[in-house]
Each structure stands twice: as structure tokens, then as C-alpha cells.
Amino acid sequence: PRVAAGYASRYAWPSRSVLLLPEETPEGVVVRSVGFGAGI
């Protein structure tokens, strides 16, 4: 485990590993699926 060093790191902690997978559509970019796993 890693220690939260202060307020900023605690407020923005990477709880999960995520990657949004964008797709081009006629209406524009959308997200249907994500890469997903445990975070720090």
C-alpha cells in the first residue's frame, strides 16, 4: 500500500485503474467500454 501524503492526494486518489476506450461514431466520440482493474 501507499500512504496518502496530504489532502490533495487523498482527494484525487487513483482507487481504480481505468482506461476509457473512445469510439468514433457519426454523432461524435462515445465511450461504451473501459479497461478496468484495481488501483493503488
PDB file of all heavy atoms in Angstrom:
ATOM      1  N   PRO A   1       0.831  -1.215   0.000  1.00  0.00           N
ATOM      2  CA  PRO A   1       0.000   0.000   0.000  1.00  0.00           C
ATOM      3  C   PRO A   1       0.860   1.257   0.000  1.00  0.00           C
ATOM      4  O   PRO A   1       2.011   1.253   0.418  1.00  0.00           O
ATOM      5  CB  PRO A   1      -0.806  -0.128   1.293  1.00  0.00           C
ATOM      6  CG  PRO A   1      -0.696  -1.554   1.694  1.00  0.00           C
ATOM      7  CD  PRO A   1       0.627  -2.025   1.194  1.00  0.00           C
ATOM      8  N   ARG A   2       0.270   2.339  -0.464  1.00  0.00           N
ATOM      9  CA  ARG A   2       0.953   3.626  -0.486  1.00  0.00           C
ATOM     10  C   ARG A   2       0.235   4.594   0.444  1.00  0.00           C
ATOM     11  O   ARG A   2      -0.992   4.570   0.565  1.00  0.00           O
ATOM     12  CB  ARG A   2       0.986   4.195  -1.906  1.00  0.00           C
ATOM     13  CG  ARG A   2       1.992   5.333  -2.087  1.00  0.00           C
ATOM     14  CD  ARG A   2       2.088   5.746  -3.539  1.00  0.00           C
ATOM     15  NE  ARG A   2       0.973   6.594  -3.925  1.00  0.00           N
ATOM     16  CZ  ARG A   2       0.737   7.003  -5.168  1.00  0.00           C
ATOM     17  NH1 ARG A   2       1.525   6.606  -6.148  1.00  0.00           N
ATOM     18  NH2 ARG A   2      -0.291   7.777  -5.443  1.00  0.00           N
ATOM     19  N   VAL A   3       0.984   5.455   1.078  1.00  0.00           N
ATOM     20  CA  VAL A   3       0.420   6.414   2.026  1.00  0.00           C
ATOM     21  C   VAL A   3      -0.068   7.650   1.276  1.00  0.00           C
ATOM     22  O   VAL A   3       0.592   8.122   0.342  1.00  0.00           O
ATOM     23  CB  VAL A   3       1.477   6.824   3.076  1.00  0.00           C
ATOM     24  CG1 VAL A   3       0.925   7.892   4.008  1.00  0.00           C
ATOM     25  CG2 VAL A   3       1.927   5.611   3.871  1.00  0.00           C
ATOM     26  N   ALA A   4      -1.219   8.178   1.679  1.00  0.00           N
ATOM     27  CA  ALA A   4      -1.681   9.469   1.167  1.00  0.00           C
ATOM     28  C   ALA A   4      -0.903  10.558   1.902  1.00  0.00           C
ATOM     29  O   ALA A   4      -0.979  10.672   3.119  1.00  0.00           O
ATOM     30  CB  ALA A   4      -3.182   9.634   1.394  1.00  0.00           C
ATOM     31  N   ALA A   5      -0.153  11.365   1.160  1.00  0.00           N
ATOM     32  CA  ALA A   5       0.742  12.336   1.781  1.00  0.00           C
ATOM     33  C   ALA A   5       0.032  13.601   2.235  1.00  0.00           C
ATOM     34  O   ALA A   5       0.626  14.413   2.946  1.00  0.00           O
ATOM     35  CB  ALA A   5       1.863  12.696   0.806  1.00  0.00           C
ATOM     36  N   GLY A   6      -1.227  13.795   1.829  1.00  0.00           N
ATOM     37  CA  GLY A   6      -1.927  15.017   2.235  1.00  0.00           C
ATOM     38  C   GLY A   6      -3.314  15.082   1.646  1.00  0.00           C
ATOM     39  O   GLY A   6      -3.837  14.109   1.099  1.00  0.00           O
ATOM     40  N   TYR A   7      -3.898  16.268   1.743  1.00  0.00           N
ATOM     41  CA  TYR A   7      -5.281  16.444   1.310  1.00  0.00           C
ATOM     42  C   TYR A   7      -5.437  16.229  -0.194  1.00  0.00           C
ATOM     43  O   TYR A   7      -6.393  15.594  -0.644  1.00  0.00           O
ATOM     44  CB  TYR A   7      -5.766  17.852   1.658  1.00  0.00           C
ATOM     45  CG  TYR A   7      -5.681  18.200   3.124  1.00  0.00           C
ATOM     46  CD1 TYR A   7      -5.475  19.514   3.544  1.00  0.00           C
ATOM     47  CD2 TYR A   7      -5.803  17.213   4.107  1.00  0.00           C
ATOM     48  CE1 TYR A   7      -5.405  19.844   4.885  1.00  0.00           C
ATOM     49  CE2 TYR A   7      -5.728  17.529   5.454  1.00  0.00           C
ATOM     50  CZ  TYR A   7      -5.518  18.854   5.837  1.00  0.00           C
ATOM     51  OH  TYR A   7      -5.436  19.175   7.169  1.00  0.00           O
ATOM     52  N   ALA A   8      -4.526  16.759  -1.002  1.00  0.00           N
ATOM     53  CA  ALA A   8      -4.672  16.675  -2.455  1.00  0.00           C
ATOM     54  C   ALA A   8      -4.606  15.233  -2.941  1.00  0.00           C
ATOM     55  O   ALA A   8      -5.445  14.799  -3.739  1.00  0.00           O
ATOM     56  CB  ALA A   8      -3.601  17.521  -3.136  1.00  0.00           C
ATOM     57  N   SER A   9      -3.611  14.483  -2.464  1.00  0.00           N
ATOM     58  CA  SER A   9      -3.502  13.094  -2.906  1.00  0.00           C
ATOM     59  C   SER A   9      -4.667  12.259  -2.399  1.00  0.00           C
ATOM     60  O   SER A   9      -5.115  11.319  -3.071  1.00  0.00           O
ATOM     61  CB  SER A   9      -2.177  12.486  -2.438  1.00  0.00           C
ATOM     62  OG  SER A   9      -2.016  12.612  -1.038  1.00  0.00           O
ATOM     63  N   ARG A  10      -5.203  12.590  -1.223  1.00  0.00           N
ATOM     64  CA  ARG A  10      -6.351  11.848  -0.708  1.00  0.00           C
ATOM     65  C   ARG A  10      -7.611  12.187  -1.511  1.00  0.00           C
ATOM     66  O   ARG A  10      -8.442  11.314  -1.790  1.00  0.00           O
ATOM     67  CB  ARG A  10      -6.561  12.179   0.777  1.00  0.00           C
ATOM     68  CG  ARG A  10      -7.545  11.263   1.484  1.00  0.00           C
ATOM     69  CD  ARG A  10      -7.592  11.552   2.973  1.00  0.00           C
ATOM     70  NE  ARG A  10      -6.337  11.231   3.626  1.00  0.00           N
ATOM     71  CZ  ARG A  10      -5.969  10.009   4.004  1.00  0.00           C
ATOM     72  NH1 ARG A  10      -6.778   8.983   3.781  1.00  0.00           N
ATOM     73  NH2 ARG A  10      -4.817   9.796   4.591  1.00  0.00           N
ATOM     74  N   TYR A  11      -7.788  13.453  -1.868  1.00  0.00           N
ATOM     75  CA  TYR A  11      -8.963  13.853  -2.644  1.00  0.00           C
ATOM     76  C   TYR A  11      -8.952  13.270  -4.056  1.00  0.00           C
ATOM     77  O   TYR A  11     -10.009  13.103  -4.669  1.00  0.00           O
ATOM     78  CB  TYR A  11      -9.019  15.382  -2.753  1.00  0.00           C
ATOM     79  CG  TYR A  11      -9.597  16.098  -1.552  1.00  0.00           C
ATOM     80  CD1 TYR A  11      -9.862  15.435  -0.351  1.00  0.00           C
ATOM     81  CD2 TYR A  11      -9.892  17.453  -1.617  1.00  0.00           C
ATOM     82  CE1 TYR A  11     -10.386  16.105   0.735  1.00  0.00           C
ATOM     83  CE2 TYR A  11     -10.430  18.131  -0.531  1.00  0.00           C
ATOM     84  CZ  TYR A  11     -10.671  17.466   0.648  1.00  0.00           C
ATOM     85  OH  TYR A  11     -11.208  18.139   1.720  1.00  0.00           O
ATOM     86  N   ALA A  12      -7.763  13.015  -4.613  1.00  0.00           N
ATOM     87  CA  ALA A  12      -7.666  12.534  -6.004  1.00  0.00           C
ATOM     88  C   ALA A  12      -6.989  11.170  -6.064  1.00  0.00           C
ATOM     89  O   ALA A  12      -6.206  10.906  -6.961  1.00  0.00           O
ATOM     90  CB  ALA A  12      -6.904  13.558  -6.843  1.00  0.00           C
ATOM     91  N   TRP A  13      -7.312  10.306  -5.114  1.00  0.00           N
ATOM     92  CA  TRP A  13      -6.661   9.012  -5.035  1.00  0.00           C
ATOM     93  C   TRP A  13      -7.081   8.110  -6.204  1.00  0.00           C
ATOM     94  O   TRP A  13      -8.276   7.989  -6.506  1.00  0.00           O
ATOM     95  CB  TRP A  13      -7.010   8.314  -3.725  1.00  0.00           C
ATOM     96  CG  TRP A  13      -6.160   7.115  -3.441  1.00  0.00           C
ATOM     97  CD1 TRP A  13      -6.477   5.810  -3.648  1.00  0.00           C
ATOM     98  CD2 TRP A  13      -4.823   7.125  -2.934  1.00  0.00           C
ATOM     99  NE1 TRP A  13      -5.425   4.993  -3.286  1.00  0.00           N
ATOM    100  CE2 TRP A  13      -4.395   5.780  -2.844  1.00  0.00           C
ATOM    101  CE3 TRP A  13      -3.947   8.141  -2.542  1.00  0.00           C
ATOM    102  CZ2 TRP A  13      -3.132   5.430  -2.381  1.00  0.00           C
ATOM    103  CZ3 TRP A  13      -2.689   7.789  -2.069  1.00  0.00           C
ATOM    104  CH2 TRP A  13      -2.300   6.443  -1.998  1.00  0.00           C
ATOM    105  N   PRO A  14      -6.122   7.445  -6.890  1.00  0.00           N
ATOM    106  CA  PRO A  14      -6.475   6.537  -8.002  1.00  0.00           C
ATOM    107  C   PRO A  14      -6.971   5.192  -7.467  1.00  0.00           C
ATOM    108  O   PRO A  14      -6.261   4.182  -7.485  1.00  0.00           O
ATOM    109  CB  PRO A  14      -5.154   6.400  -8.767  1.00  0.00           C
ATOM    110  CG  PRO A  14      -4.097   6.613  -7.730  1.00  0.00           C
ATOM    111  CD  PRO A  14      -4.664   7.594  -6.735  1.00  0.00           C
ATOM    112  N   SER A  15      -8.196   5.147  -7.009  1.00  0.00           N
ATOM    113  CA  SER A  15      -8.760   3.948  -6.381  1.00  0.00           C
ATOM    114  C   SER A  15      -8.866   2.782  -7.348  1.00  0.00           C
ATOM    115  O   SER A  15      -8.811   1.619  -6.926  1.00  0.00           O
ATOM    116  CB  SER A  15     -10.155   4.261  -5.817  1.00  0.00           C
ATOM    117  OG  SER A  15     -10.119   5.387  -4.976  1.00  0.00           O
ATOM    118  N   ARG A  16      -9.052   3.073  -8.626  1.00  0.00           N
ATOM    119  CA  ARG A  16      -9.149   2.032  -9.642  1.00  0.00           C
ATOM    120  C   ARG A  16      -8.283   2.403 -10.839  1.00  0.00           C
ATOM    121  O   ARG A  16      -8.083   3.574 -11.150  1.00  0.00           O
ATOM    122  CB  ARG A  16     -10.608   1.852 -10.105  1.00  0.00           C
ATOM    123  CG  ARG A  16     -11.546   1.345  -9.026  1.00  0.00           C
ATOM    124  CD  ARG A  16     -11.247  -0.091  -8.647  1.00  0.00           C
ATOM    125  NE  ARG A  16     -12.173  -0.581  -7.643  1.00  0.00           N
ATOM    126  CZ  ARG A  16     -11.970  -0.497  -6.322  1.00  0.00           C
ATOM    127  NH1 ARG A  16     -10.859   0.076  -5.857  1.00  0.00           N
ATOM    128  NH2 ARG A  16     -12.857  -0.974  -5.473  1.00  0.00           N
ATOM    129  N   SER A  17      -7.791   1.380 -11.503  1.00  0.00           N
ATOM    130  CA  SER A  17      -7.100   1.566 -12.774  1.00  0.00           C
ATOM    131  C   SER A  17      -8.164   1.564 -13.863  1.00  0.00           C
ATOM    132  O   SER A  17      -8.917   0.595 -13.999  1.00  0.00           O
ATOM    133  CB  SER A  17      -6.104   0.433 -13.011  1.00  0.00           C
ATOM    134  OG  SER A  17      -5.143   0.394 -11.978  1.00  0.00           O
ATOM    135  N   VAL A  18      -8.232   2.648 -14.617  1.00  0.00           N
ATOM    136  CA  VAL A  18      -9.279   2.799 -15.623  1.00  0.00           C
ATOM    137  C   VAL A  18      -8.651   3.328 -16.906  1.00  0.00           C
ATOM    138  O   VAL A  18      -7.715   4.132 -16.875  1.00  0.00           O
ATOM    139  CB  VAL A  18     -10.377   3.775 -15.141  1.00  0.00           C
ATOM    140  CG1 VAL A  18     -11.440   3.966 -16.217  1.00  0.00           C
ATOM    141  CG2 VAL A  18     -11.013   3.273 -13.853  1.00  0.00           C
ATOM    142  N   LEU A  19      -9.161   2.881 -18.019  1.00  0.00           N
ATOM    143  CA  LEU A  19      -8.841   3.480 -19.304  1.00  0.00           C
ATOM    144  C   LEU A  19     -10.130   3.562 -20.110  1.00  0.00           C
ATOM    145  O   LEU A  19     -10.715   2.538 -20.477  1.00  0.00           O
ATOM    146  CB  LEU A  19      -7.800   2.664 -20.067  1.00  0.00           C
ATOM    147  CG  LEU A  19      -7.442   3.220 -21.455  1.00  0.00           C
ATOM    148  CD1 LEU A  19      -6.797   4.598 -21.335  1.00  0.00           C
ATOM    149  CD2 LEU A  19      -6.532   2.268 -22.220  1.00  0.00           C
ATOM    150  N   LEU A  20     -10.589   4.766 -20.365  1.00  0.00           N
ATOM    151  CA  LEU A  20     -11.769   4.963 -21.201  1.00  0.00           C
ATOM    152  C   LEU A  20     -11.402   4.633 -22.646  1.00  0.00           C
ATOM    153  O   LEU A  20     -10.370   5.085 -23.158  1.00  0.00           O
ATOM    154  CB  LEU A  20     -12.262   6.410 -21.100  1.00  0.00           C
ATOM    155  CG  LEU A  20     -12.626   6.908 -19.693  1.00  0.00           C
ATOM    156  CD1 LEU A  20     -13.024   8.387 -19.751  1.00  0.00           C
ATOM    157  CD2 LEU A  20     -13.763   6.089 -19.099  1.00  0.00           C
ATOM    158  N   LEU A  21     -12.231   3.851 -23.305  1.00  0.00           N
ATOM    159  CA  LEU A  21     -11.960   3.411 -24.675  1.00  0.00           C
ATOM    160  C   LEU A  21     -12.898   4.147 -25.638  1.00  0.00           C
ATOM    161  O   LEU A  21     -14.060   3.745 -25.826  1.00  0.00           O
ATOM    162  CB  LEU A  21     -12.145   1.897 -24.790  1.00  0.00           C
ATOM    163  CG  LEU A  21     -11.275   1.074 -23.822  1.00  0.00           C
ATOM    164  CD1 LEU A  21     -11.629  -0.407 -23.909  1.00  0.00           C
ATOM    165  CD2 LEU A  21      -9.794   1.289 -24.120  1.00  0.00           C
ATOM    166  N   PRO A  22     -12.435   5.234 -26.234  1.00  0.00           N
ATOM    167  CA  PRO A  22     -13.311   6.041 -27.098  1.00  0.00           C
ATOM    168  C   PRO A  22     -13.577   5.377 -28.446  1.00  0.00           C
ATOM    169  O   PRO A  22     -12.735   4.628 -28.968  1.00  0.00           O
ATOM    170  CB  PRO A  22     -12.512   7.339 -27.276  1.00  0.00           C
ATOM    171  CG  PRO A  22     -11.079   6.917 -27.138  1.00  0.00           C
ATOM    172  CD  PRO A  22     -11.075   5.782 -26.147  1.00  0.00           C
ATOM    173  N   GLU A  23     -14.754   5.657 -28.991  1.00  0.00           N
ATOM    174  CA  GLU A  23     -15.129   5.156 -30.316  1.00  0.00           C
ATOM    175  C   GLU A  23     -15.637   6.323 -31.150  1.00  0.00           C
ATOM    176  O   GLU A  23     -16.394   7.167 -30.663  1.00  0.00           O
ATOM    177  CB  GLU A  23     -16.232   4.099 -30.205  1.00  0.00           C
ATOM    178  CG  GLU A  23     -15.876   2.885 -29.362  1.00  0.00           C
ATOM    179  CD  GLU A  23     -17.054   1.931 -29.224  1.00  0.00           C
ATOM    180  OE1 GLU A  23     -17.972   1.995 -30.079  1.00  0.00           O
ATOM    181  OE2 GLU A  23     -17.062   1.132 -28.275  1.00  0.00           O
ATOM    182  N   GLU A  24     -15.225   6.358 -32.408  1.00  0.00           N
ATOM    183  CA  GLU A  24     -15.723   7.368 -33.342  1.00  0.00           C
ATOM    184  C   GLU A  24     -17.061   6.913 -33.909  1.00  0.00           C
ATOM    185  O   GLU A  24     -17.193   5.780 -34.384  1.00  0.00           O
ATOM    186  CB  GLU A  24     -14.726   7.580 -34.479  1.00  0.00           C
ATOM    187  CG  GLU A  24     -13.426   8.244 -34.059  1.00  0.00           C
ATOM    188  CD  GLU A  24     -13.535   9.756 -34.034  1.00  0.00           C
ATOM    189  OE1 GLU A  24     -14.673  10.266 -34.102  1.00  0.00           O
ATOM    190  OE2 GLU A  24     -12.482  10.413 -33.948  1.00  0.00           O
ATOM    191  N   THR A  25     -18.067   7.772 -33.833  1.00  0.00           N
ATOM    192  CA  THR A  25     -19.376   7.474 -34.420  1.00  0.00           C
ATOM    193  C   THR A  25     -19.808   8.693 -35.230  1.00  0.00           C
ATOM    194  O   THR A  25     -19.228   9.778 -35.107  1.00  0.00           O
ATOM    195  CB  THR A  25     -20.430   7.202 -33.326  1.00  0.00           C
ATOM    196  OG1 THR A  25     -20.737   8.419 -32.650  1.00  0.00           O
ATOM    197  CG2 THR A  25     -19.915   6.182 -32.310  1.00  0.00           C
ATOM    198  N   PRO A  26     -20.834   8.554 -36.057  1.00  0.00           N
ATOM    199  CA  PRO A  26     -21.318   9.720 -36.813  1.00  0.00           C
ATOM    200  C   PRO A  26     -21.765  10.864 -35.903  1.00  0.00           C
ATOM    201  O   PRO A  26     -21.720  12.034 -36.305  1.00  0.00           O
ATOM    202  CB  PRO A  26     -22.501   9.140 -37.610  1.00  0.00           C
ATOM    203  CG  PRO A  26     -22.175   7.690 -37.753  1.00  0.00           C
ATOM    204  CD  PRO A  26     -21.483   7.305 -36.487  1.00  0.00           C
ATOM    205  N   GLU A  27     -22.179  10.533 -34.701  1.00  0.00           N
ATOM    206  CA  GLU A  27     -22.619  11.569 -33.764  1.00  0.00           C
ATOM    207  C   GLU A  27     -21.459  12.153 -32.963  1.00  0.00           C
ATOM    208  O   GLU A  27     -21.645  13.073 -32.169  1.00  0.00           O
ATOM    209  CB  GLU A  27     -23.657  10.998 -32.797  1.00  0.00           C
ATOM    210  CG  GLU A  27     -24.991  10.642 -33.432  1.00  0.00           C
ATOM    211  CD  GLU A  27     -24.914   9.350 -34.228  1.00  0.00           C
ATOM    212  OE1 GLU A  27     -24.079   8.478 -33.881  1.00  0.00           O
ATOM    213  OE2 GLU A  27     -25.668   9.226 -35.207  1.00  0.00           O
ATOM    214  N   GLY A  28     -20.262  11.586 -33.134  1.00  0.00           N
ATOM    215  CA  GLY A  28     -19.117  12.053 -32.369  1.00  0.00           C
ATOM    216  C   GLY A  28     -18.497  10.934 -31.555  1.00  0.00           C
ATOM    217  O   GLY A  28     -18.882   9.758 -31.667  1.00  0.00           O
ATOM    218  N   VAL A  29     -17.535  11.287 -30.699  1.00  0.00           N
ATOM    219  CA  VAL A  29     -16.843  10.304 -29.879  1.00  0.00           C
ATOM    220  C   VAL A  29     -17.744   9.857 -28.732  1.00  0.00           C
ATOM    221  O   VAL A  29     -18.391  10.684 -28.075  1.00  0.00           O
ATOM    222  CB  VAL A  29     -15.531  10.894 -29.312  1.00  0.00           C
ATOM    223  CG1 VAL A  29     -14.859   9.901 -28.372  1.00  0.00           C
ATOM    224  CG2 VAL A  29     -14.591  11.269 -30.443  1.00  0.00           C
ATOM    225  N   VAL A  30     -17.789   8.535 -28.481  1.00  0.00           N
ATOM    226  CA  VAL A  30     -18.554   7.991 -27.358  1.00  0.00           C
ATOM    227  C   VAL A  30     -17.687   6.961 -26.633  1.00  0.00           C
ATOM    228  O   VAL A  30     -16.658   6.516 -27.150  1.00  0.00           O
ATOM    229  CB  VAL A  30     -19.876   7.325 -27.826  1.00  0.00           C
ATOM    230  CG1 VAL A  30     -20.779   8.334 -28.520  1.00  0.00           C
ATOM    231  CG2 VAL A  30     -19.585   6.138 -28.739  1.00  0.00           C
ATOM    232  N   VAL A  31     -18.122   6.587 -25.429  1.00  0.00           N
ATOM    233  CA  VAL A  31     -17.434   5.563 -24.642  1.00  0.00           C
ATOM    234  C   VAL A  31     -18.432   4.467 -24.304  1.00  0.00           C
ATOM    235  O   VAL A  31     -19.442   4.722 -23.636  1.00  0.00           O
ATOM    236  CB  VAL A  31     -16.853   6.166 -23.343  1.00  0.00           C
ATOM    237  CG1 VAL A  31     -16.264   5.061 -22.460  1.00  0.00           C
ATOM    238  CG2 VAL A  31     -15.800   7.210 -23.657  1.00  0.00           C
ATOM    239  N   ARG A  32     -18.161   3.244 -24.768  1.00  0.00           N
ATOM    240  CA  ARG A  32     -19.008   2.102 -24.441  1.00  0.00           C
ATOM    241  C   ARG A  32     -18.327   1.153 -23.462  1.00  0.00           C
ATOM    242  O   ARG A  32     -18.976   0.534 -22.638  1.00  0.00           O
ATOM    243  CB  ARG A  32     -19.383   1.324 -25.703  1.00  0.00           C
ATOM    244  CG  ARG A  32     -20.419   1.992 -26.580  1.00  0.00           C
ATOM    245  CD  ARG A  32     -20.929   1.045 -27.663  1.00  0.00           C
ATOM    246  NE  ARG A  32     -22.019   1.647 -28.397  1.00  0.00           N
ATOM    247  CZ  ARG A  32     -21.863   2.432 -29.451  1.00  0.00           C
ATOM    248  NH1 ARG A  32     -20.651   2.697 -29.894  1.00  0.00           N
ATOM    249  NH2 ARG A  32     -22.906   2.945 -30.072  1.00  0.00           N
ATOM    250  N   SER A  33     -17.028   1.033 -23.569  1.00  0.00           N
ATOM    251  CA  SER A  33     -16.312   0.099 -22.705  1.00  0.00           C
ATOM    252  C   SER A  33     -15.065   0.761 -22.148  1.00  0.00           C
ATOM    253  O   SER A  33     -14.600   1.797 -22.642  1.00  0.00           O
ATOM    254  CB  SER A  33     -15.956  -1.179 -23.470  1.00  0.00           C
ATOM    255  OG  SER A  33     -15.153  -0.870 -24.597  1.00  0.00           O
ATOM    256  N   VAL A  34     -14.526   0.139 -21.116  1.00  0.00           N
ATOM    257  CA  VAL A  34     -13.357   0.679 -20.420  1.00  0.00           C
ATOM    258  C   VAL A  34     -12.409  -0.461 -20.075  1.00  0.00           C
ATOM    259  O   VAL A  34     -12.831  -1.608 -19.891  1.00  0.00           O
ATOM    260  CB  VAL A  34     -13.762   1.418 -19.123  1.00  0.00           C
ATOM    261  CG1 VAL A  34     -14.689   2.574 -19.424  1.00  0.00           C
ATOM    262  CG2 VAL A  34     -14.396   0.462 -18.111  1.00  0.00           C
ATOM    263  N   GLY A  35     -11.116  -0.139 -19.990  1.00  0.00           N
ATOM    264  CA  GLY A  35     -10.176  -1.033 -19.348  1.00  0.00           C
ATOM    265  C   GLY A  35     -10.303  -0.808 -17.851  1.00  0.00           C
ATOM    266  O   GLY A  35     -10.370   0.340 -17.397  1.00  0.00           O
ATOM    267  N   PHE A  36     -10.356  -1.904 -17.078  1.00  0.00           N
ATOM    268  CA  PHE A  36     -10.707  -1.741 -15.667  1.00  0.00           C
ATOM    269  C   PHE A  36      -9.941  -2.732 -14.797  1.00  0.00           C
ATOM    270  O   PHE A  36      -9.822  -3.909 -15.132  1.00  0.00           O
ATOM    271  CB  PHE A  36     -12.207  -1.956 -15.467  1.00  0.00           C
ATOM    272  CG  PHE A  36     -12.712  -1.622 -14.098  1.00  0.00           C
ATOM    273  CD1 PHE A  36     -13.029  -0.319 -13.751  1.00  0.00           C
ATOM    274  CD2 PHE A  36     -12.865  -2.620 -13.141  1.00  0.00           C
ATOM    275  CE1 PHE A  36     -13.490  -0.010 -12.491  1.00  0.00           C
ATOM    276  CE2 PHE A  36     -13.320  -2.322 -11.874  1.00  0.00           C
ATOM    277  CZ  PHE A  36     -13.633  -1.008 -11.546  1.00  0.00           C
ATOM    278  N   GLY A  37      -9.411  -2.238 -13.675  1.00  0.00           N
ATOM    279  CA  GLY A  37      -8.708  -3.101 -12.729  1.00  0.00           C
ATOM    280  C   GLY A  37      -8.541  -2.405 -11.396  1.00  0.00           C
ATOM    281  O   GLY A  37      -8.978  -1.266 -11.200  1.00  0.00           O
ATOM    282  N   ALA A  38      -7.913  -3.088 -10.454  1.00  0.00           N
ATOM    283  CA  ALA A  38      -7.656  -2.498  -9.138  1.00  0.00           C
ATOM    284  C   ALA A  38      -6.710  -1.314  -9.281  1.00  0.00           C
ATOM    285  O   ALA A  38      -5.866  -1.271 -10.184  1.00  0.00           O
ATOM    286  CB  ALA A  38      -7.055  -3.547  -8.207  1.00  0.00           C
ATOM    287  N   GLY A  39      -6.854  -0.352  -8.385  1.00  0.00           N
ATOM    288  CA  GLY A  39      -5.987   0.809  -8.398  1.00  0.00           C
ATOM    289  C   GLY A  39      -4.867   0.682  -7.385  1.00  0.00           C
ATOM    290  O   GLY A  39      -4.442  -0.425  -7.042  1.00  0.00           O
ATOM    291  N   ILE A  40      -4.393   1.819  -6.879  1.00  0.00           N
ATOM    292  CA  ILE A  40      -3.302   1.821  -5.914  1.00  0.00           C
ATOM    293  C   ILE A  40      -3.876   1.606  -4.516  1.00  0.00           C
ATOM    294  O   ILE A  40      -4.722   2.386  -4.068  1.00  0.00           O
ATOM    295  CB  ILE A  40      -2.534   3.153  -5.962  1.00  0.00           C
ATOM    296  CG1 ILE A  40      -1.933   3.361  -7.348  1.00  0.00           C
ATOM    297  CG2 ILE A  40      -1.445   3.182  -4.905  1.00  0.00           C
ATOM    298  CD1 ILE A  40      -0.948   2.296  -7.757  1.00  0.00           C
TER     299      ILE A  40
END
